[in-house]
Amino acid sequence: MVIDGTSRFRLRDGPIAEYRESVNGGVAMAQLGVPPERMAKAFDRWSDWLKARPETVAFLARGKAK
């Protein structure tokens, strides 16, 4: 299996205060042979989770740049 992703570190006064990583789970699921309808359900859950995150809500509340 081959996937790509990214890691994000937040530093605070030197040490790592927060670590997150993100990968393209859809690519992994396709390579594992997950049926498309199951993938769609997972993508809907992931999308709902992402849209509900406080940082996403705050970002979207700022509106479009002019």
C-alpha atoms as a PDB file:
ATOM      1  CA  MET A   1       0.000   0.000   0.000  1.00  0.00           C
ATOM      2  CA  VAL A   2       1.154   3.509  -0.796  1.00  0.00           C
ATOM      3  CA  ILE A   3      -0.338   6.663   0.749  1.00  0.00           C
ATOM      4  CA  ASP A   4       0.764  10.232   1.219  1.00  0.00           C
ATOM      5  CA  GLY A   5       0.130  12.540   4.116  1.00  0.00           C
ATOM      6  CA  THR A   6       1.348  15.414   6.184  1.00  0.00           C
ATOM      7  CA  SER A   7       2.338  16.044   9.784  1.00  0.00           C
ATOM      8  CA  ARG A   8       1.806  19.254  11.725  1.00  0.00           C
ATOM      9  CA  PHE A   9       3.705  20.224  14.847  1.00  0.00           C
ATOM     10  CA  ARG A  10       2.905  23.177  17.097  1.00  0.00           C
ATOM     11  CA  LEU A  11       5.765  24.275  19.274  1.00  0.00           C
ATOM     12  CA  ARG A  12       5.332  26.155  22.527  1.00  0.00           C
ATOM     13  CA  ASP A  13       8.396  27.442  24.347  1.00  0.00           C
ATOM     14  CA  GLY A  14      10.578  24.805  22.706  1.00  0.00           C
ATOM     15  CA  PRO A  15       8.861  21.415  23.051  1.00  0.00           C
ATOM     16  CA  ILE A  16       6.084  20.072  20.859  1.00  0.00           C
ATOM     17  CA  ALA A  17       2.737  21.211  22.287  1.00  0.00           C
ATOM     18  CA  GLU A  18       0.553  19.553  19.660  1.00  0.00           C
ATOM     19  CA  TYR A  19       1.042  16.970  16.922  1.00  0.00           C
ATOM     20  CA  ARG A  20      -1.399  16.015  14.178  1.00  0.00           C
ATOM     21  CA  GLU A  21      -1.094  13.970  11.056  1.00  0.00           C
ATOM     22  CA  SER A  22      -3.365  13.534   8.102  1.00  0.00           C
ATOM     23  CA  VAL A  23      -3.389  10.964   5.324  1.00  0.00           C
ATOM     24  CA  ASN A  24      -5.591  10.411   2.313  1.00  0.00           C
ATOM     25  CA  GLY A  25      -7.646   7.558   3.735  1.00  0.00           C
ATOM     26  CA  GLY A  26      -9.621   7.187   0.516  1.00  0.00           C
ATOM     27  CA  VAL A  27      -6.525   6.066  -1.353  1.00  0.00           C
ATOM     28  CA  ALA A  28      -5.791   3.474   1.326  1.00  0.00           C
ATOM     29  CA  MET A  29      -9.374   2.213   1.313  1.00  0.00           C
ATOM     30  CA  ALA A  30      -9.377   1.864  -2.482  1.00  0.00           C
ATOM     31  CA  GLN A  31      -6.120  -0.100  -2.398  1.00  0.00           C
ATOM     32  CA  LEU A  32      -7.599  -2.402   0.245  1.00  0.00           C
ATOM     33  CA  GLY A  33     -10.653  -3.070  -1.923  1.00  0.00           C
ATOM     34  CA  VAL A  34     -13.232  -1.387   0.319  1.00  0.00           C
ATOM     35  CA  PRO A  35     -16.564  -1.225  -1.556  1.00  0.00           C
ATOM     36  CA  PRO A  36     -17.457   2.276  -2.830  1.00  0.00           C
ATOM     37  CA  GLU A  37     -20.642   2.482  -0.741  1.00  0.00           C
ATOM     38  CA  ARG A  38     -18.684   1.841   2.471  1.00  0.00           C
ATOM     39  CA  MET A  39     -16.106   4.413   1.409  1.00  0.00           C
ATOM     40  CA  ALA A  40     -18.882   6.980   0.824  1.00  0.00           C
ATOM     41  CA  LYS A  41     -20.240   6.414   4.343  1.00  0.00           C
ATOM     42  CA  ALA A  42     -16.774   6.895   5.832  1.00  0.00           C
ATOM     43  CA  PHE A  43     -16.172  10.045   3.772  1.00  0.00           C
ATOM     44  CA  ASP A  44     -19.499  11.492   4.947  1.00  0.00           C
ATOM     45  CA  ARG A  45     -18.540  10.854   8.598  1.00  0.00           C
ATOM     46  CA  TRP A  46     -15.076  12.372   8.091  1.00  0.00           C
ATOM     47  CA  SER A  47     -16.598  15.401   6.369  1.00  0.00           C
ATOM     48  CA  ASP A  48     -19.107  15.930   9.186  1.00  0.00           C
ATOM     49  CA  TRP A  49     -16.315  15.626  11.769  1.00  0.00           C
ATOM     50  CA  LEU A  50     -14.125  18.123   9.914  1.00  0.00           C
ATOM     51  CA  LYS A  51     -16.927  20.674   9.483  1.00  0.00           C
ATOM     52  CA  ALA A  52     -17.823  20.444  13.206  1.00  0.00           C
ATOM     53  CA  ARG A  53     -14.292  21.089  14.504  1.00  0.00           C
ATOM     54  CA  PRO A  54     -14.074  24.433  16.354  1.00  0.00           C
ATOM     55  CA  GLU A  55     -11.142  25.609  14.235  1.00  0.00           C
ATOM     56  CA  THR A  56     -13.072  24.857  11.036  1.00  0.00           C
ATOM     57  CA  VAL A  57     -16.160  26.682  12.301  1.00  0.00           C
ATOM     58  CA  ALA A  58     -14.020  29.706  13.245  1.00  0.00           C
ATOM     59  CA  PHE A  59     -12.268  29.680   9.868  1.00  0.00           C
ATOM     60  CA  LEU A  60     -15.526  29.515   7.918  1.00  0.00           C
ATOM     61  CA  ALA A  61     -17.061  32.274  10.069  1.00  0.00           C
ATOM     62  CA  ARG A  62     -14.387  34.701   8.840  1.00  0.00           C
ATOM     63  CA  GLY A  63     -15.908  34.643   5.366  1.00  0.00           C
ATOM     64  CA  LYS A  64     -14.170  35.093   2.047  1.00  0.00           C
ATOM     65  CA  ALA A  65     -11.250  37.477   1.655  1.00  0.00           C
ATOM     66  CA  LYS A  66     -11.931  40.457  -0.567  1.00  0.00           C
END
